[in-house]
């Protein structure tokens, strides 16, 4: 993924800047120097970094057509280009995870696991 694209102003597009911030917030709770109070705040307030995996899981998990219709069959980060899409997706992820008593950060980890579980699953091998 090209995070910075050359343009006249060398500006980082909003949706890409948001993803970088979301990725930082995803890993901050693991910082040993962080107080319990701040760690709890991050888990409660951080957004899920949006990528093809999280968008795919969101499409599968949401029952709201106003969300699922915005996500193509093979989603990409450009799906979240529009400000209203990004906000809608984050709001829906928070809603889904609140019902599961989880954090938006965990949604990202779940999306990764669901998309890579076959890669790491054990295979039964015939040894005869």
C-alpha atoms as a PDB file:
ATOM      1  CA  UNK A   1       0.000   0.000   0.000  1.00  0.00           C
ATOM      2  CA  UNK A   2       1.340   3.376  -0.931  1.00  0.00           C
ATOM      3  CA  UNK A   3       0.576   5.546   2.061  1.00  0.00           C
ATOM      4  CA  UNK A   4       1.902   8.760   0.616  1.00  0.00           C
ATOM      5  CA  UNK A   5       0.982   9.458  -2.954  1.00  0.00           C
ATOM      6  CA  UNK A   6       2.762  12.204  -4.804  1.00  0.00           C
ATOM      7  CA  UNK A   7       0.562  15.142  -5.453  1.00  0.00           C
ATOM      8  CA  UNK A   8       1.051  18.866  -5.619  1.00  0.00           C
ATOM      9  CA  UNK A   9       0.700  19.422  -1.874  1.00  0.00           C
ATOM     10  CA  UNK A  10       2.172  16.098  -0.680  1.00  0.00           C
ATOM     11  CA  UNK A  11      -0.863  15.718   1.568  1.00  0.00           C
ATOM     12  CA  UNK A  12      -1.779  12.434   3.136  1.00  0.00           C
ATOM     13  CA  UNK A  13      -5.330  11.537   2.205  1.00  0.00           C
ATOM     14  CA  UNK A  14      -7.674  11.618   5.221  1.00  0.00           C
ATOM     15  CA  UNK A  15      -8.623   7.945   5.174  1.00  0.00           C
ATOM     16  CA  UNK A  16      -4.954   6.936   5.040  1.00  0.00           C
ATOM     17  CA  UNK A  17      -4.037   9.286   7.883  1.00  0.00           C
ATOM     18  CA  UNK A  18      -6.886   7.853   9.947  1.00  0.00           C
ATOM     19  CA  UNK A  19      -5.622   4.323   9.349  1.00  0.00           C
ATOM     20  CA  UNK A  20      -2.142   5.272  10.575  1.00  0.00           C
ATOM     21  CA  UNK A  21      -3.613   6.762  13.750  1.00  0.00           C
ATOM     22  CA  UNK A  22      -5.822   3.697  14.243  1.00  0.00           C
ATOM     23  CA  UNK A  23      -2.798   1.411  13.860  1.00  0.00           C
ATOM     24  CA  UNK A  24      -0.869   3.418  16.441  1.00  0.00           C
ATOM     25  CA  UNK A  25      -3.791   3.277  18.867  1.00  0.00           C
ATOM     26  CA  UNK A  26      -4.071  -0.473  18.285  1.00  0.00           C
ATOM     27  CA  UNK A  27      -0.575  -1.033  19.657  1.00  0.00           C
ATOM     28  CA  UNK A  28      -0.421   1.625  22.392  1.00  0.00           C
ATOM     29  CA  UNK A  29      -2.228  -0.522  24.997  1.00  0.00           C
ATOM     30  CA  UNK A  30       0.701  -2.968  24.821  1.00  0.00           C
ATOM     31  CA  UNK A  31       3.129  -0.249  25.954  1.00  0.00           C
ATOM     32  CA  UNK A  32       4.362  -1.162  29.443  1.00  0.00           C
ATOM     33  CA  UNK A  33       4.634   2.453  30.574  1.00  0.00           C
ATOM     34  CA  UNK A  34       0.947   3.096  29.947  1.00  0.00           C
ATOM     35  CA  UNK A  35      -1.187   3.406  33.083  1.00  0.00           C
ATOM     36  CA  UNK A  36      -4.136   1.063  33.604  1.00  0.00           C
ATOM     37  CA  UNK A  37      -6.491   4.034  33.318  1.00  0.00           C
ATOM     38  CA  UNK A  38      -5.051   5.074  29.929  1.00  0.00           C
ATOM     39  CA  UNK A  39      -4.943   1.480  28.689  1.00  0.00           C
ATOM     40  CA  UNK A  40      -8.624   1.096  29.542  1.00  0.00           C
ATOM     41  CA  UNK A  41      -9.388   4.372  27.736  1.00  0.00           C
ATOM     42  CA  UNK A  42      -7.623   3.144  24.564  1.00  0.00           C
ATOM     43  CA  UNK A  43      -9.536  -0.131  24.591  1.00  0.00           C
ATOM     44  CA  UNK A  44     -12.834   1.711  25.001  1.00  0.00           C
ATOM     45  CA  UNK A  45     -12.221   4.489  22.464  1.00  0.00           C
ATOM     46  CA  UNK A  46      -9.788   3.359  19.783  1.00  0.00           C
ATOM     47  CA  UNK A  47     -11.109   2.664  16.305  1.00  0.00           C
ATOM     48  CA  UNK A  48     -10.499  -0.530  14.408  1.00  0.00           C
ATOM     49  CA  UNK A  49      -7.933  -0.045  11.622  1.00  0.00           C
ATOM     50  CA  UNK A  50      -9.901  -0.527   8.415  1.00  0.00           C
ATOM     51  CA  UNK A  51      -8.469  -2.863   5.805  1.00  0.00           C
ATOM     52  CA  UNK A  52      -9.778  -5.568   3.504  1.00  0.00           C
ATOM     53  CA  UNK A  53      -9.985  -8.053   6.403  1.00  0.00           C
ATOM     54  CA  UNK A  54     -11.930  -5.828   8.799  1.00  0.00           C
ATOM     55  CA  UNK A  55     -14.209  -4.578   6.016  1.00  0.00           C
ATOM     56  CA  UNK A  56     -14.906  -8.148   4.931  1.00  0.00           C
ATOM     57  CA  UNK A  57     -15.811  -9.146   8.495  1.00  0.00           C
ATOM     58  CA  UNK A  58     -17.949  -6.027   8.849  1.00  0.00           C
ATOM     59  CA  UNK A  59     -19.858  -6.947   5.679  1.00  0.00           C
ATOM     60  CA  UNK A  60     -20.447 -10.467   7.078  1.00  0.00           C
ATOM     61  CA  UNK A  61     -21.359  -9.299  10.596  1.00  0.00           C
ATOM     62  CA  UNK A  62     -23.590  -6.303  10.039  1.00  0.00           C
ATOM     63  CA  UNK A  63     -27.276  -6.755   9.434  1.00  0.00           C
ATOM     64  CA  UNK A  64     -27.668  -3.145   8.290  1.00  0.00           C
ATOM     65  CA  UNK A  65     -28.039  -2.710   4.501  1.00  0.00           C
ATOM     66  CA  UNK A  66     -26.861   0.911   4.812  1.00  0.00           C
ATOM     67  CA  UNK A  67     -23.489  -0.519   5.932  1.00  0.00           C
ATOM     68  CA  UNK A  68     -23.208  -3.705   3.882  1.00  0.00           C
ATOM     69  CA  UNK A  69     -24.225  -1.990   0.631  1.00  0.00           C
ATOM     70  CA  UNK A  70     -21.218   0.345   0.937  1.00  0.00           C
ATOM     71  CA  UNK A  71     -18.727  -2.544   1.048  1.00  0.00           C
ATOM     72  CA  UNK A  72     -17.858  -4.289  -2.202  1.00  0.00           C
ATOM     73  CA  UNK A  73     -17.538  -8.076  -2.455  1.00  0.00           C
ATOM     74  CA  UNK A  74     -13.728  -7.866  -2.274  1.00  0.00           C
ATOM     75  CA  UNK A  75     -13.275  -4.758  -0.127  1.00  0.00           C
ATOM     76  CA  UNK A  76     -10.244  -2.489  -0.188  1.00  0.00           C
ATOM     77  CA  UNK A  77      -9.205   0.422   1.981  1.00  0.00           C
ATOM     78  CA  UNK A  78     -10.446   2.823  -0.691  1.00  0.00           C
ATOM     79  CA  UNK A  79     -13.965   1.758   0.380  1.00  0.00           C
ATOM     80  CA  UNK A  80     -13.483   4.018   3.412  1.00  0.00           C
ATOM     81  CA  UNK A  81     -12.338   7.023   1.353  1.00  0.00           C
ATOM     82  CA  UNK A  82     -15.466   9.034   1.994  1.00  0.00           C
ATOM     83  CA  UNK A  83     -15.673  10.597   5.451  1.00  0.00           C
ATOM     84  CA  UNK A  84     -19.217   9.396   6.001  1.00  0.00           C
ATOM     85  CA  UNK A  85     -18.257   5.783   5.126  1.00  0.00           C
ATOM     86  CA  UNK A  86     -15.334   5.765   7.527  1.00  0.00           C
ATOM     87  CA  UNK A  87     -17.491   7.123  10.353  1.00  0.00           C
ATOM     88  CA  UNK A  88     -20.363   4.754   9.596  1.00  0.00           C
ATOM     89  CA  UNK A  89     -18.037   1.750   9.556  1.00  0.00           C
ATOM     90  CA  UNK A  90     -16.392   2.689  12.858  1.00  0.00           C
ATOM     91  CA  UNK A  91     -19.762   3.320  14.492  1.00  0.00           C
ATOM     92  CA  UNK A  92     -21.050  -0.072  13.344  1.00  0.00           C
ATOM     93  CA  UNK A  93     -17.907  -1.876  14.541  1.00  0.00           C
ATOM     94  CA  UNK A  94     -18.266  -0.229  17.967  1.00  0.00           C
ATOM     95  CA  UNK A  95     -21.936  -1.276  18.035  1.00  0.00           C
ATOM     96  CA  UNK A  96     -21.128  -4.892  17.096  1.00  0.00           C
ATOM     97  CA  UNK A  97     -18.309  -5.146  19.621  1.00  0.00           C
ATOM     98  CA  UNK A  98     -20.312  -3.515  22.413  1.00  0.00           C
ATOM     99  CA  UNK A  99     -22.896  -6.285  21.995  1.00  0.00           C
ATOM    100  CA  UNK A 100     -20.048  -8.788  22.394  1.00  0.00           C
ATOM    101  CA  UNK A 101     -18.515  -6.839  25.316  1.00  0.00           C
ATOM    102  CA  UNK A 102     -15.372  -6.281  23.314  1.00  0.00           C
ATOM    103  CA  UNK A 103     -13.265  -3.483  21.938  1.00  0.00           C
ATOM    104  CA  UNK A 104     -12.997  -2.206  18.372  1.00  0.00           C
ATOM    105  CA  UNK A 105      -9.325  -3.166  18.580  1.00  0.00           C
ATOM    106  CA  UNK A 106     -10.400  -6.772  19.108  1.00  0.00           C
ATOM    107  CA  UNK A 107     -12.545  -6.568  15.975  1.00  0.00           C
ATOM    108  CA  UNK A 108      -9.360  -5.997  13.985  1.00  0.00           C
ATOM    109  CA  UNK A 109      -7.670  -9.015  15.595  1.00  0.00           C
ATOM    110  CA  UNK A 110     -10.749 -11.157  14.999  1.00  0.00           C
ATOM    111  CA  UNK A 111     -10.854 -10.079  11.350  1.00  0.00           C
ATOM    112  CA  UNK A 112      -7.185 -11.019  10.940  1.00  0.00           C
ATOM    113  CA  UNK A 113      -7.717 -14.403  12.602  1.00  0.00           C
ATOM    114  CA  UNK A 114     -10.803 -15.227  10.542  1.00  0.00           C
ATOM    115  CA  UNK A 115      -9.008 -14.430   7.295  1.00  0.00           C
ATOM    116  CA  UNK A 116      -5.838 -16.318   8.198  1.00  0.00           C
ATOM    117  CA  UNK A 117      -7.081 -19.240  10.294  1.00  0.00           C
ATOM    118  CA  UNK A 118      -6.849 -21.729   7.431  1.00  0.00           C
ATOM    119  CA  UNK A 119      -3.248 -20.715   6.897  1.00  0.00           C
ATOM    120  CA  UNK A 120      -2.393 -21.732  10.458  1.00  0.00           C
ATOM    121  CA  UNK A 121      -4.776 -24.599  11.060  1.00  0.00           C
ATOM    122  CA  UNK A 122      -3.447 -28.060  11.819  1.00  0.00           C
ATOM    123  CA  UNK A 123      -3.679 -30.582   9.044  1.00  0.00           C
ATOM    124  CA  UNK A 124      -4.268 -34.249   9.744  1.00  0.00           C
ATOM    125  CA  UNK A 125      -1.576 -36.219   7.983  1.00  0.00           C
ATOM    126  CA  UNK A 126      -1.809 -39.871   7.105  1.00  0.00           C
ATOM    127  CA  UNK A 127       1.345 -41.516   8.456  1.00  0.00           C
ATOM    128  CA  UNK A 128       0.661 -45.015   7.182  1.00  0.00           C
END
